[in-house]
Amino acid sequence: MKNITFSLLLITFSTYASAQNLIHQIDSLVTLKVSEYELSGNVLVAEKGKIIYQQSNGIANSVTNTPVTSASAFHLASVSKLFTSIAILQLNEKGKLNLNDPVKKYIPELDNGVITISQLLSHTSGLADYQILEKPYNQDTSKIFTIGDIPLIINNDKNAFRSAPGEKWSYSNPGYNLLALIIEKITKTSFPDYLSKYVFKPAGMLHTYINTPLIKVNDPNRVVGYDYLYFAPWVLQRADSLGHNHIELHHIDGLIGMANVVSTSEDLLKFDQSLYIGKIIKQSSLDKAFTPIRLNNGELAETGWKNTKSYFGLGWCILKDSTYGKVVFHTGGMPGAVTMFSRNIIRNQTVIVLNNITHRSTHNTAMSLMYLMNGGKAQTDKKSVANEFVRTLTKHDINTAWAQLNSIKADTAHFYLDEHEMNMNGIGMFFNNYKAKGMEVLRLNTVLFPNSANVYDSLGMALADSGDKPNAILMYKKALAINPKFTSAINALKKLTGD
């Protein structure tokens, strides 16, 4: 009897030690990401619905110095598409629609009579992304687009479809705007009201809602989105303070179906668990959603990169690596929000990462947490040369920053250099109390990427804002010499020269 008792104690201790080691590994990864200024937000890891790790880091609002807490509500960006998928599948269960129905059956004003609901869900309709909004936006820069505008915009754009339906996988936000419009037309109710009644409330998600410039919800727990984090203690760049984000955070932000759901990590766990018990949708519908779509040529639709390479089903990514079970997920990204909601449906494991700063490593961090949950290893991310340069420049001076740049840019095993990141860092600094140093970053980018029209356009913008009209004109002309159709440079040059 004593031997049996001792064995049970040994097993219990071993299990406890293993669990503690896992929590230590998870915490070490999260702590690393916070220390490297890549994470300001909430991380939640659960198994069988029980939270085994939960951590809040960073600032929810830098003006009021409010910290992120477990109650903080985040814009989910494209993770919002999961709720659109659930709503469509609910209507399919009720016989209100068929997934193979042509979209035109429910949106008769749409000219295209071929694409189906299933193809919109799976991003295989061939419909382009938000490039289709560029022309109508330029015609009326004060307009906030709604889902009711999308059919006519598609009809008026001869390039609205990039490929034949079912030919290839191509991400399309407007496709999910059309799905939201279908839901409204079938149910005769608004999309936000439908989600609230048939998804959020039944799942117990009492802190989840849709928020847009046209549907404003006053929530003191909602975080502010920041584009860049330079260094602790939290020098943050508001995403909505930067001009290049204006179209996405204002003009497109009135659109629903593809984004604009706001939620908490704990509400998302409730959503996750409700899917296991058929509370809001049948298992048979989820099975369809979690089955990779086949293209016209018989191949499976694929997406993702690095450790998030996946197939795509009806609104869900299905991780190609099935070593640890079947992992389904969706990522999200917009200025001031990067998110990931991941589920191992074989082992009932959940990983939720909600970040209120724009950082490219968030998705890999979330997937690494899922790997750690199953005895795997965290993925190693390269560091950003742009971010390292800007942080050093902000803390010190241009000479120190240049010295560091020269020492790390050739180390491609550990660092990567991205034109867009350097450009956005420079613009962010320029318009937020670091004018001179921001200009240095923009000048540097023209040296690093001399064949890019965009870097000269951005430098021209900064020079024009500083009152240096002659050199601003030179930069815009340089941008147009590289790309004669660069719209922002054309418009800026006309404004400066009066031509």
Protein backbone atom coordinates (compact mmCIF):
# COMPACT_ATOMS: atom_id res chain seq x y z
CA MET A 1 0.00 0.00 0.00
CA LYS A 2 2.86 2.35 0.84
CA ASN A 3 4.51 1.61 -2.52
CA ILE A 4 1.27 2.41 -4.35
CA THR A 5 0.89 5.66 -2.43
CA PHE A 6 4.50 6.60 -3.15
CA SER A 7 4.03 5.87 -6.87
CA LEU A 8 0.92 8.05 -7.00
CA LEU A 9 2.77 10.86 -5.26
CA LEU A 10 5.66 10.50 -7.71
CA ILE A 11 3.30 10.68 -10.70
CA THR A 12 1.52 13.69 -9.21
CA PHE A 13 4.83 15.48 -8.58
CA SER A 14 6.05 14.65 -12.09
CA THR A 15 2.84 15.99 -13.62
CA TYR A 16 3.08 19.14 -11.51
CA ALA A 17 6.74 19.66 -12.46
CA SER A 18 5.91 19.22 -16.15
CA ALA A 19 3.07 21.74 -15.93
CA GLN A 20 5.29 24.24 -14.14
CA ASN A 21 7.99 23.82 -16.76
CA LEU A 22 5.45 24.51 -19.52
CA ILE A 23 4.23 27.65 -17.78
CA HIS A 24 7.85 28.77 -17.35
CA GLN A 25 8.51 28.26 -21.08
CA ILE A 26 5.39 30.17 -22.04
CA ASP A 27 6.18 33.01 -19.66
CA SER A 28 9.78 33.20 -20.89
CA LEU A 29 8.59 33.65 -24.49
CA VAL A 30 6.02 36.29 -23.55
CA THR A 31 8.54 38.13 -21.36
CA LEU A 32 11.05 38.10 -24.23
CA LYS A 33 8.54 39.61 -26.67
CA VAL A 34 7.63 42.32 -24.18
CA SER A 35 11.30 43.12 -23.51
CA GLU A 36 11.93 43.40 -27.25
CA TYR A 37 9.04 45.88 -27.58
CA GLU A 38 7.01 43.52 -29.76
CA LEU A 39 4.06 42.93 -27.47
CA SER A 40 1.67 45.20 -25.62
CA GLY A 41 -1.52 43.32 -24.89
CA ASN A 42 -3.08 40.13 -23.62
CA VAL A 43 -1.98 36.51 -23.87
CA LEU A 44 -4.28 33.67 -22.83
CA VAL A 45 -3.46 29.96 -23.04
CA ALA A 46 -6.05 27.36 -22.05
CA GLU A 47 -6.52 23.59 -22.10
CA LYS A 48 -9.99 21.99 -22.01
CA GLY A 49 -11.40 25.44 -21.27
CA LYS A 50 -9.22 25.96 -18.20
CA ILE A 51 -6.82 28.91 -18.30
CA ILE A 52 -3.27 27.72 -17.61
CA TYR A 53 -1.55 31.01 -18.44
CA GLN A 54 -2.85 34.56 -18.66
CA GLN A 55 -0.76 37.70 -18.86
CA SER A 56 -1.42 41.39 -19.51
CA ASN A 57 1.38 43.72 -20.57
CA GLY A 58 1.77 47.27 -21.79
CA ILE A 59 -0.40 50.33 -22.02
CA ALA A 60 -4.05 50.44 -23.04
CA ASN A 61 -4.02 54.24 -23.27
CA SER A 62 -0.80 56.24 -23.08
CA VAL A 63 -2.58 59.56 -22.48
CA THR A 64 -4.28 58.34 -19.30
CA ASN A 65 -1.42 55.92 -18.54
CA THR A 66 -3.96 53.11 -18.27
CA PRO A 67 -2.38 49.64 -18.28
CA VAL A 68 -3.69 46.68 -20.24
CA THR A 69 -5.69 44.33 -18.00
CA SER A 70 -7.54 41.07 -18.54
CA ALA A 71 -10.71 43.15 -19.08
CA SER A 72 -9.16 45.19 -21.90
CA ALA A 73 -11.09 45.03 -25.17
CA PHE A 74 -9.18 44.88 -28.47
CA HIS A 75 -10.08 45.40 -32.08
CA LEU A 76 -9.78 41.89 -33.50
CA ALA A 77 -9.03 42.98 -37.07
CA SER A 78 -9.51 39.98 -39.39
CA VAL A 79 -10.14 37.52 -36.56
CA SER A 80 -13.59 39.13 -36.86
CA LYS A 81 -14.11 37.11 -40.05
CA LEU A 82 -14.66 34.00 -37.92
CA PHE A 83 -17.96 35.42 -36.69
CA THR A 84 -19.07 36.20 -40.23
CA SER A 85 -18.31 32.60 -41.16
CA ILE A 86 -20.28 31.30 -38.16
CA ALA A 87 -23.26 33.50 -39.08
CA ILE A 88 -23.32 32.27 -42.68
CA LEU A 89 -23.07 28.63 -41.55
CA GLN A 90 -25.92 29.21 -39.09
CA LEU A 91 -28.14 30.46 -41.92
CA ASN A 92 -27.11 27.45 -43.98
CA GLU A 93 -28.19 25.16 -41.12
CA LYS A 94 -31.57 26.90 -40.99
CA GLY A 95 -32.09 26.46 -44.73
CA LYS A 96 -31.98 30.21 -45.35
CA LEU A 97 -29.19 29.83 -47.89
CA ASN A 98 -27.06 27.22 -49.63
CA LEU A 99 -23.28 27.58 -49.58
CA ASN A 100 -23.17 26.92 -53.32
CA ASP A 101 -25.75 29.60 -54.08
CA PRO A 102 -24.58 32.42 -56.36
CA VAL A 103 -24.07 35.63 -54.43
CA LYS A 104 -26.27 37.42 -56.96
CA LYS A 105 -29.29 35.48 -55.67
CA TYR A 106 -29.14 37.58 -52.49
CA ILE A 107 -27.45 40.70 -53.89
CA PRO A 108 -29.19 41.15 -57.26
CA GLU A 109 -27.51 44.52 -57.78
CA LEU A 110 -24.15 42.72 -58.13
CA ASP A 111 -23.38 42.17 -61.82
CA ASN A 112 -21.27 39.05 -61.34
CA GLY A 113 -23.64 36.10 -61.43
CA VAL A 114 -21.08 33.32 -61.02
CA ILE A 115 -19.31 33.64 -57.65
CA THR A 116 -20.76 31.63 -54.80
CA ILE A 117 -21.11 32.13 -51.06
CA SER A 118 -18.64 29.31 -50.46
CA GLN A 119 -16.07 31.04 -52.66
CA LEU A 120 -16.44 34.27 -50.69
CA LEU A 121 -15.95 32.37 -47.42
CA SER A 122 -12.86 30.60 -48.71
CA HIS A 123 -11.29 33.59 -50.54
CA THR A 124 -11.46 31.72 -53.85
CA SER A 125 -13.92 34.02 -55.64
CA GLY A 126 -11.16 35.84 -57.51
CA LEU A 127 -12.37 39.16 -56.07
CA ALA A 128 -9.61 41.68 -55.44
CA ASP A 129 -8.89 43.24 -52.05
CA TYR A 130 -9.34 46.91 -51.15
CA GLN A 131 -7.56 48.15 -54.29
CA ILE A 132 -11.10 48.45 -55.67
CA LEU A 133 -11.73 51.34 -53.24
CA GLU A 134 -8.85 53.50 -54.48
CA LYS A 135 -10.77 55.18 -57.30
CA PRO A 136 -14.00 55.94 -55.38
CA TYR A 137 -11.92 57.13 -52.42
CA ASN A 138 -10.01 59.60 -54.60
CA GLN A 139 -13.33 60.85 -56.00
CA ASP A 140 -14.66 61.59 -52.49
CA THR A 141 -12.01 61.69 -49.76
CA SER A 142 -14.61 62.50 -47.08
CA LYS A 143 -16.64 59.35 -47.60
CA ILE A 144 -16.91 56.55 -45.04
CA PHE A 145 -17.67 53.40 -47.01
CA THR A 146 -20.35 50.92 -45.91
CA ILE A 147 -21.14 47.40 -47.10
CA GLY A 148 -23.99 48.82 -49.19
CA ASP A 149 -21.40 50.60 -51.36
CA ILE A 150 -19.43 47.48 -52.22
CA PRO A 151 -21.59 45.91 -55.01
CA LEU A 152 -21.60 49.10 -57.12
CA ILE A 153 -17.88 49.63 -56.55
CA ILE A 154 -17.24 46.09 -57.80
CA ASN A 155 -19.52 46.63 -60.81
CA ASN A 156 -17.68 49.83 -61.77
CA ASP A 157 -14.19 48.35 -61.57
CA LYS A 158 -13.13 46.32 -64.59
CA ASN A 159 -10.26 44.90 -62.52
CA ALA A 160 -12.39 43.92 -59.53
CA PHE A 161 -11.81 40.21 -60.25
CA ARG A 162 -8.21 39.10 -60.52
CA SER A 163 -8.91 35.50 -61.48
CA ALA A 164 -11.72 33.16 -62.37
CA PRO A 165 -13.78 31.84 -59.43
CA GLY A 166 -12.14 28.80 -57.88
CA GLU A 167 -8.91 29.25 -59.82
CA LYS A 168 -6.72 30.28 -56.89
CA TRP A 169 -6.74 31.47 -53.28
CA SER A 170 -6.59 35.25 -52.97
CA TYR A 171 -7.44 37.16 -49.79
CA SER A 172 -10.37 39.53 -50.23
CA ASN A 173 -11.83 41.74 -47.51
CA PRO A 174 -14.63 42.98 -49.81
CA GLY A 175 -15.73 39.35 -50.11
CA TYR A 176 -16.55 39.37 -46.41
CA ASN A 177 -18.33 42.72 -46.79
CA LEU A 178 -20.59 40.97 -49.30
CA LEU A 179 -21.20 38.14 -46.81
CA ALA A 180 -22.30 40.64 -44.16
CA LEU A 181 -24.62 42.21 -46.72
CA ILE A 182 -26.11 38.79 -47.53
CA ILE A 183 -26.78 38.22 -43.82
CA GLU A 184 -28.56 41.56 -43.56
CA LYS A 185 -30.68 40.92 -46.66
CA ILE A 186 -31.75 37.44 -45.55
CA THR A 187 -32.43 38.25 -41.88
CA LYS A 188 -33.83 41.76 -42.40
CA THR A 189 -31.71 42.90 -39.46
CA SER A 190 -28.40 44.69 -39.14
CA PHE A 191 -25.24 42.60 -39.13
CA PRO A 192 -24.16 43.86 -35.66
CA ASP A 193 -27.59 43.02 -34.23
CA TYR A 194 -27.52 39.57 -35.80
CA LEU A 195 -24.11 38.74 -34.31
CA SER A 196 -25.16 40.07 -30.92
CA LYS A 197 -28.35 37.97 -30.82
CA TYR A 198 -27.20 34.73 -32.43
CA VAL A 199 -23.46 34.54 -31.72
CA PHE A 200 -22.14 36.80 -28.96
CA LYS A 201 -24.91 36.47 -26.36
CA PRO A 202 -25.51 32.71 -26.79
CA ALA A 203 -21.75 32.16 -26.40
CA GLY A 204 -21.68 34.28 -23.23
CA MET A 205 -19.56 36.97 -24.89
CA LEU A 206 -20.95 39.90 -22.95
CA HIS A 207 -18.02 42.23 -23.69
CA THR A 208 -17.97 41.74 -27.47
CA TYR A 209 -19.46 44.09 -30.05
CA ILE A 210 -18.93 45.80 -33.39
CA ASN A 211 -17.48 49.31 -33.35
CA THR A 212 -17.05 51.60 -36.38
CA PRO A 213 -17.14 55.37 -37.01
CA LEU A 214 -20.82 54.84 -37.84
CA ILE A 215 -21.57 52.42 -34.97
CA LYS A 216 -19.93 53.94 -31.94
CA VAL A 217 -19.85 52.03 -28.66
CA ASN A 218 -18.58 53.75 -25.54
CA ASP A 219 -16.36 51.21 -23.81
CA PRO A 220 -13.87 52.44 -21.17
CA ASN A 221 -12.01 49.13 -21.46
CA ARG A 222 -11.25 49.44 -25.17
CA VAL A 223 -7.56 49.89 -25.84
CA VAL A 224 -6.01 52.52 -28.09
CA GLY A 225 -4.20 51.16 -31.13
CA TYR A 226 -0.52 52.07 -31.54
CA ASP A 227 1.57 51.67 -34.66
CA TYR A 228 5.02 51.53 -33.13
CA LEU A 229 6.65 50.92 -29.78
CA TYR A 230 10.09 52.47 -29.59
CA PHE A 231 11.29 51.62 -26.09
CA ALA A 232 10.12 51.21 -22.51
CA PRO A 233 8.70 52.98 -20.65
CA TRP A 234 6.25 52.83 -23.55
CA VAL A 235 6.99 55.49 -26.12
CA LEU A 236 3.97 54.73 -28.28
CA GLN A 237 2.80 55.99 -31.67
CA ARG A 238 -1.00 56.31 -32.01
CA ALA A 239 -2.07 54.53 -35.19
CA ASP A 240 -4.84 57.04 -35.86
CA SER A 241 -2.43 59.99 -35.66
CA LEU A 242 -0.59 58.95 -38.82
CA GLY A 243 -1.84 60.12 -42.20
CA HIS A 244 -1.05 56.90 -44.05
CA ASN A 245 -3.45 55.02 -41.77
CA HIS A 246 -6.34 57.42 -42.31
CA ILE A 247 -8.04 55.57 -45.15
CA GLU A 248 -7.93 52.28 -43.25
CA LEU A 249 -8.94 53.67 -39.86
CA HIS A 250 -11.60 56.06 -41.16
CA HIS A 251 -12.82 55.56 -44.73
CA ILE A 252 -12.70 51.75 -44.72
CA ASP A 253 -13.47 51.46 -41.02
CA GLY A 254 -17.18 51.82 -41.66
CA LEU A 255 -17.16 48.42 -43.35
CA ILE A 256 -18.21 45.31 -41.45
CA GLY A 257 -18.01 41.56 -41.95
CA MET A 258 -14.28 41.56 -42.46
CA ALA A 259 -13.19 43.32 -39.22
CA ASN A 260 -14.29 45.76 -36.50
CA VAL A 261 -15.38 43.24 -33.90
CA VAL A 262 -14.05 44.29 -30.48
CA SER A 263 -13.57 41.62 -27.81
CA THR A 264 -11.57 40.42 -24.81
CA SER A 265 -9.36 37.37 -24.45
CA GLU A 266 -11.77 35.80 -21.96
CA ASP A 267 -14.77 36.34 -24.25
CA LEU A 268 -12.86 34.63 -27.06
CA LEU A 269 -12.24 31.66 -24.78
CA LYS A 270 -16.00 31.48 -24.18
CA PHE A 271 -16.51 31.51 -27.95
CA ASP A 272 -13.94 28.75 -28.31
CA GLN A 273 -15.62 26.54 -25.74
CA SER A 274 -19.12 27.18 -27.10
CA LEU A 275 -18.03 25.63 -30.39
CA TYR A 276 -17.30 22.29 -28.70
CA ILE A 277 -20.79 21.91 -27.26
CA GLY A 278 -22.85 22.99 -30.26
CA LYS A 279 -24.15 26.07 -28.49
CA ILE A 280 -24.13 28.34 -31.52
CA ILE A 281 -23.43 25.98 -34.42
CA LYS A 282 -23.58 22.27 -35.20
CA GLN A 283 -20.46 20.13 -35.34
CA SER A 284 -21.32 19.15 -38.92
CA SER A 285 -21.06 22.80 -39.95
CA LEU A 286 -17.72 23.17 -38.20
CA ASP A 287 -16.48 20.05 -39.97
CA LYS A 288 -17.20 21.81 -43.27
CA ALA A 289 -15.47 24.97 -42.08
CA PHE A 290 -12.39 23.00 -41.01
CA THR A 291 -12.08 21.11 -44.32
CA PRO A 292 -9.59 22.56 -46.84
CA ILE A 293 -11.18 23.92 -50.01
CA ARG A 294 -10.17 22.42 -53.34
CA LEU A 295 -9.43 24.71 -56.25
CA ASN A 296 -10.61 24.05 -59.80
CA ASN A 297 -7.41 22.13 -60.54
CA GLY A 298 -7.97 19.80 -57.56
CA GLU A 299 -5.24 21.31 -55.40
CA LEU A 300 -5.96 22.45 -51.83
CA ALA A 301 -6.16 26.19 -51.20
CA GLU A 302 -3.06 27.30 -49.26
CA THR A 303 -1.97 30.41 -47.41
CA GLY A 304 0.39 31.60 -44.67
CA TRP A 305 4.14 31.59 -44.26
CA LYS A 306 6.83 30.16 -41.98
CA ASN A 307 5.21 28.32 -39.07
CA THR A 308 1.68 29.43 -40.01
CA LYS A 309 1.57 27.70 -43.40
CA SER A 310 -1.93 26.41 -43.73
CA TYR A 311 -4.81 25.27 -45.88
CA PHE A 312 -7.97 27.34 -45.97
CA GLY A 313 -11.52 26.20 -45.30
CA LEU A 314 -14.75 28.15 -44.89
CA GLY A 315 -13.35 31.13 -43.01
CA TRP A 316 -10.70 29.21 -41.06
CA CYS A 317 -7.01 28.48 -41.58
CA ILE A 318 -6.07 24.82 -41.04
CA LEU A 319 -2.41 24.41 -40.04
CA LYS A 320 -0.56 22.14 -42.48
CA ASP A 321 1.68 20.79 -39.72
CA SER A 322 -0.52 18.22 -37.97
CA THR A 323 2.26 16.88 -35.72
CA TYR A 324 0.46 17.97 -32.57
CA GLY A 325 -3.12 17.59 -33.74
CA LYS A 326 -5.49 19.61 -35.90
CA VAL A 327 -4.93 23.33 -35.35
CA VAL A 328 -7.43 25.80 -36.80
CA PHE A 329 -6.98 29.54 -36.48
CA HIS A 330 -7.31 33.02 -37.90
CA THR A 331 -4.96 35.96 -37.74
CA GLY A 332 -5.71 39.66 -37.80
CA GLY A 333 -3.73 42.77 -38.55
CA MET A 334 -4.50 46.47 -38.94
CA PRO A 335 -2.80 49.69 -37.81
CA GLY A 336 -2.73 49.42 -34.05
CA ALA A 337 -3.90 45.82 -33.74
CA VAL A 338 -2.37 42.43 -34.45
CA THR A 339 -4.29 39.40 -33.24
CA MET A 340 -4.46 35.62 -33.38
CA PHE A 341 -7.06 33.10 -32.23
CA SER A 342 -5.83 29.51 -32.41
CA ARG A 343 -7.50 26.21 -31.45
CA ASN A 344 -6.13 22.67 -31.34
CA ILE A 345 -9.48 20.93 -31.81
CA ILE A 346 -8.05 17.45 -31.15
CA ARG A 347 -6.64 18.37 -27.73
CA ASN A 348 -9.01 21.21 -26.82
CA GLN A 349 -6.20 23.73 -26.51
CA THR A 350 -6.59 27.46 -27.06
CA VAL A 351 -4.09 30.24 -27.65
CA ILE A 352 -5.23 33.87 -27.85
CA VAL A 353 -2.87 36.79 -28.43
CA LEU A 354 -4.25 40.33 -28.69
CA ASN A 355 -1.66 43.04 -29.36
CA ASN A 356 -2.44 46.77 -29.53
CA ILE A 357 0.77 47.64 -31.35
CA THR A 358 1.50 46.77 -34.96
CA HIS A 359 4.19 44.10 -34.95
CA ARG A 360 4.86 41.41 -37.52
CA SER A 361 6.02 38.75 -35.02
CA THR A 362 2.70 38.47 -33.16
CA HIS A 363 1.33 35.62 -35.27
CA ASN A 364 4.52 33.57 -34.97
CA THR A 365 4.54 34.19 -31.23
CA ALA A 366 0.99 32.82 -30.94
CA MET A 367 1.81 29.74 -32.98
CA SER A 368 4.96 29.19 -30.95
CA LEU A 369 2.82 29.12 -27.82
CA MET A 370 0.73 26.35 -29.39
CA TYR A 371 3.91 24.43 -30.21
CA LEU A 372 5.13 24.80 -26.60
CA MET A 373 1.78 23.46 -25.38
CA ASN A 374 2.56 20.22 -27.17
CA GLY A 375 6.22 19.70 -26.38
CA GLY A 376 7.55 21.59 -29.39
CA LYS A 377 9.89 24.55 -29.58
CA ALA A 378 9.22 28.26 -29.95
CA GLN A 379 10.05 29.63 -33.38
CA THR A 380 12.94 32.06 -33.64
CA ASP A 381 12.10 35.42 -35.22
CA LYS A 382 14.61 37.68 -36.89
CA LYS A 383 14.84 41.19 -35.47
CA SER A 384 13.93 44.27 -37.47
CA VAL A 385 16.85 46.46 -38.58
CA ALA A 386 14.38 49.35 -38.93
CA ASN A 387 13.10 49.02 -35.37
CA GLU A 388 16.59 48.66 -33.91
CA PHE A 389 17.81 51.72 -35.83
CA VAL A 390 14.88 53.88 -34.75
CA ARG A 391 15.08 52.87 -31.09
CA THR A 392 18.79 53.64 -30.98
CA LEU A 393 18.23 56.95 -32.78
CA THR A 394 15.44 57.88 -30.36
CA LYS A 395 17.50 57.01 -27.29
CA HIS A 396 20.86 58.36 -28.49
CA ASP A 397 21.97 60.19 -31.65
CA ILE A 398 22.39 59.70 -35.40
CA ASN A 399 26.03 58.63 -35.17
CA THR A 400 25.28 55.87 -32.66
CA ALA A 401 22.33 54.72 -34.75
CA TRP A 402 24.40 54.60 -37.96
CA ALA A 403 27.16 52.65 -36.20
CA GLN A 404 24.62 50.10 -35.05
CA LEU A 405 23.03 49.92 -38.50
CA ASN A 406 26.36 49.15 -40.13
CA SER A 407 27.05 46.41 -37.60
CA ILE A 408 23.74 44.55 -37.97
CA LYS A 409 22.39 45.02 -41.51
CA ALA A 410 24.73 42.39 -42.96
CA ASP A 411 23.72 39.86 -40.28
CA THR A 412 20.84 38.40 -42.28
CA ALA A 413 20.74 35.31 -40.06
CA HIS A 414 19.41 37.38 -37.16
CA PHE A 415 18.09 40.60 -38.71
CA TYR A 416 15.90 41.58 -41.64
CA LEU A 417 15.65 44.94 -43.40
CA ASP A 418 12.21 46.01 -44.61
CA GLU A 419 11.60 49.17 -46.63
CA HIS A 420 8.01 49.54 -45.45
CA GLU A 421 8.92 49.24 -41.76
CA MET A 422 11.71 51.81 -42.07
CA ASN A 423 9.36 54.14 -43.94
CA MET A 424 6.54 53.85 -41.43
CA ASN A 425 8.93 54.35 -38.53
CA GLY A 426 10.25 57.52 -40.14
CA ILE A 427 6.77 58.91 -40.82
CA GLY A 428 5.62 57.99 -37.32
CA MET A 429 8.55 59.79 -35.71
CA PHE A 430 8.23 62.82 -37.95
CA PHE A 431 4.61 63.46 -37.07
CA ASN A 432 4.96 62.68 -33.37
CA ASN A 433 7.54 64.85 -31.62
CA TYR A 434 10.65 63.44 -33.34
CA LYS A 435 10.61 65.61 -36.47
CA ALA A 436 14.34 65.98 -37.12
CA LYS A 437 15.13 62.35 -36.36
CA GLY A 438 12.13 61.18 -38.37
CA MET A 439 13.49 63.10 -41.35
CA GLU A 440 16.83 61.32 -40.90
CA VAL A 441 15.07 57.96 -41.08
CA LEU A 442 13.24 58.94 -44.28
CA ARG A 443 16.49 60.18 -45.85
CA LEU A 444 18.19 56.93 -44.87
CA ASN A 445 15.46 54.94 -46.59
CA THR A 446 16.20 56.63 -49.91
CA VAL A 447 19.81 55.47 -49.56
CA LEU A 448 18.84 51.91 -48.60
CA PHE A 449 16.14 51.60 -51.28
CA PRO A 450 17.05 54.06 -54.07
CA ASN A 451 14.80 52.36 -56.64
CA SER A 452 11.58 52.71 -54.64
CA ALA A 453 9.15 55.47 -55.58
CA ASN A 454 7.52 55.22 -52.18
CA VAL A 455 10.59 56.31 -50.18
CA TYR A 456 10.94 59.52 -52.22
CA ASP A 457 7.21 60.18 -51.91
CA SER A 458 7.42 59.90 -48.12
CA LEU A 459 10.50 62.12 -47.90
CA GLY A 460 8.73 64.63 -50.15
CA MET A 461 5.77 64.67 -47.79
CA ALA A 462 8.01 65.40 -44.80
CA LEU A 463 9.92 68.11 -46.67
CA ALA A 464 6.67 69.76 -47.79
CA ASP A 465 5.35 69.69 -44.23
CA SER A 466 8.60 71.34 -43.08
CA GLY A 467 8.20 74.15 -45.59
CA ASP A 468 11.02 73.01 -47.89
CA LYS A 469 8.97 73.27 -51.08
CA PRO A 470 11.84 73.10 -53.65
CA ASN A 471 13.29 69.87 -52.27
CA ALA A 472 9.83 68.38 -51.75
CA ILE A 473 9.14 68.95 -55.46
CA LEU A 474 12.46 67.28 -56.33
CA MET A 475 11.54 64.22 -54.26
CA TYR A 476 8.09 63.90 -55.81
CA LYS A 477 9.59 64.19 -59.29
CA LYS A 478 12.08 61.48 -58.37
CA ALA A 479 9.22 59.23 -57.23
CA LEU A 480 7.38 59.80 -60.53
CA ALA A 481 10.52 59.13 -62.55
CA ILE A 482 10.51 55.66 -61.00
CA ASN A 483 6.73 55.17 -61.13
CA PRO A 484 4.84 57.66 -63.34
CA LYS A 485 1.49 56.37 -62.01
CA PHE A 486 2.27 56.90 -58.31
CA THR A 487 -1.02 58.57 -57.30
CA SER A 488 -0.01 60.26 -54.05
CA ALA A 489 3.08 61.81 -55.65
CA ILE A 490 1.03 63.08 -58.60
CA ASN A 491 -1.53 64.70 -56.32
CA ALA A 492 1.10 66.17 -53.98
CA LEU A 493 3.08 67.64 -56.89
CA LYS A 494 -0.04 69.27 -58.33
CA LYS A 495 -0.74 70.83 -54.95
CA LEU A 496 2.81 72.21 -54.64
CA THR A 497 3.18 73.49 -58.21
CA GLY A 498 -0.43 74.46 -58.90
CA ASP A 499 -0.34 72.54 -62.20
